[in-house]
Amino acid sequence: MSAQRPRYAYRVERVTNASSEVHWDPVAKTEVRRLLIEAARVTPAKVSPHARIHSWRWDTRRVSAGGVPK
């Protein structure tokens, strides 16, 4: 959920491998994999008080032609 003015929270339902390919990122010096994350959008009022909340925000500086950040 966003740390500033959250309108929605997103509950992660499932994480699966989107591809069996694994690439090496020479800058980060780590393996890179593509994951498919399925999430359900909920209002902040419906978030459990015991939930682990990770704040996030969109990085609009790096948008590809398809509209999805790389």
Protein backbone atom coordinates (compact mmCIF):
# COMPACT_ATOMS: atom_id res chain seq x y z
CA MET A 1 0.00 0.00 0.00
CA SER A 2 1.24 3.49 -0.71
CA ALA A 3 2.86 5.30 2.20
CA GLN A 4 1.26 8.60 1.15
CA ARG A 5 -2.53 8.89 0.84
CA PRO A 6 -3.25 5.18 0.28
CA ARG A 7 -6.50 4.64 -1.59
CA TYR A 8 -6.00 0.92 -2.07
CA ALA A 9 -3.85 -1.88 -0.75
CA TYR A 10 -2.86 -4.89 -2.84
CA ARG A 11 -2.88 -8.34 -1.25
CA VAL A 12 -0.52 -10.76 -2.99
CA GLU A 13 -2.48 -13.90 -3.80
CA ARG A 14 0.07 -15.92 -5.78
CA VAL A 15 3.63 -15.65 -7.13
CA THR A 16 4.72 -17.98 -9.95
CA ASN A 17 7.57 -18.16 -12.45
CA ALA A 18 6.53 -16.38 -15.66
CA SER A 19 9.42 -17.97 -17.53
CA SER A 20 11.99 -20.67 -16.89
CA GLU A 21 14.72 -18.37 -18.28
CA VAL A 22 17.28 -17.00 -15.85
CA HIS A 23 19.51 -14.08 -16.87
CA TRP A 24 22.60 -12.59 -15.26
CA ASP A 25 22.55 -8.85 -14.44
CA PRO A 26 26.18 -7.69 -14.57
CA VAL A 27 25.42 -4.38 -12.84
CA ALA A 28 23.58 -5.90 -9.87
CA LYS A 29 25.77 -9.05 -10.04
CA THR A 30 22.81 -11.31 -9.49
CA GLU A 31 20.41 -13.60 -11.32
CA VAL A 32 17.24 -12.07 -12.73
CA ARG A 33 13.99 -14.01 -13.13
CA ARG A 34 10.56 -12.99 -14.41
CA LEU A 35 7.76 -13.57 -11.92
CA LEU A 36 4.01 -13.33 -12.31
CA ILE A 37 2.40 -11.70 -9.27
CA GLU A 38 -1.36 -12.02 -8.84
CA ALA A 39 -2.81 -9.49 -6.40
CA ALA A 40 -6.24 -8.46 -5.16
CA ARG A 41 -7.02 -4.77 -4.66
CA VAL A 42 -8.65 -3.94 -1.30
CA THR A 43 -9.40 -0.76 0.60
CA PRO A 44 -7.00 0.15 3.43
CA ALA A 45 -9.83 -0.33 5.95
CA LYS A 46 -9.96 -4.05 5.03
CA VAL A 47 -6.25 -4.66 5.70
CA SER A 48 -5.74 -6.88 8.73
CA PRO A 49 -3.99 -5.18 11.66
CA HIS A 50 -1.62 -8.18 11.67
CA ALA A 51 -0.71 -7.89 7.97
CA ARG A 52 2.87 -7.21 6.90
CA ILE A 53 2.65 -4.00 4.87
CA HIS A 54 5.29 -3.04 2.31
CA SER A 55 5.04 0.53 1.05
CA TRP A 56 5.61 1.21 -2.64
CA ARG A 57 5.20 3.85 -5.32
CA TRP A 58 5.34 3.95 -9.11
CA ASP A 59 8.60 5.08 -10.65
CA THR A 60 7.36 7.14 -13.60
CA ARG A 61 10.87 7.94 -14.85
CA ARG A 62 11.41 4.55 -16.53
CA VAL A 63 8.39 3.61 -18.63
CA SER A 64 8.76 1.45 -21.72
CA ALA A 65 6.69 1.75 -24.90
CA GLY A 66 4.19 -0.76 -23.50
CA GLY A 67 3.59 1.33 -20.39
CA VAL A 68 5.12 -1.14 -17.97
CA PRO A 69 8.22 -0.07 -15.97
CA LYS A 70 11.31 -2.17 -16.72
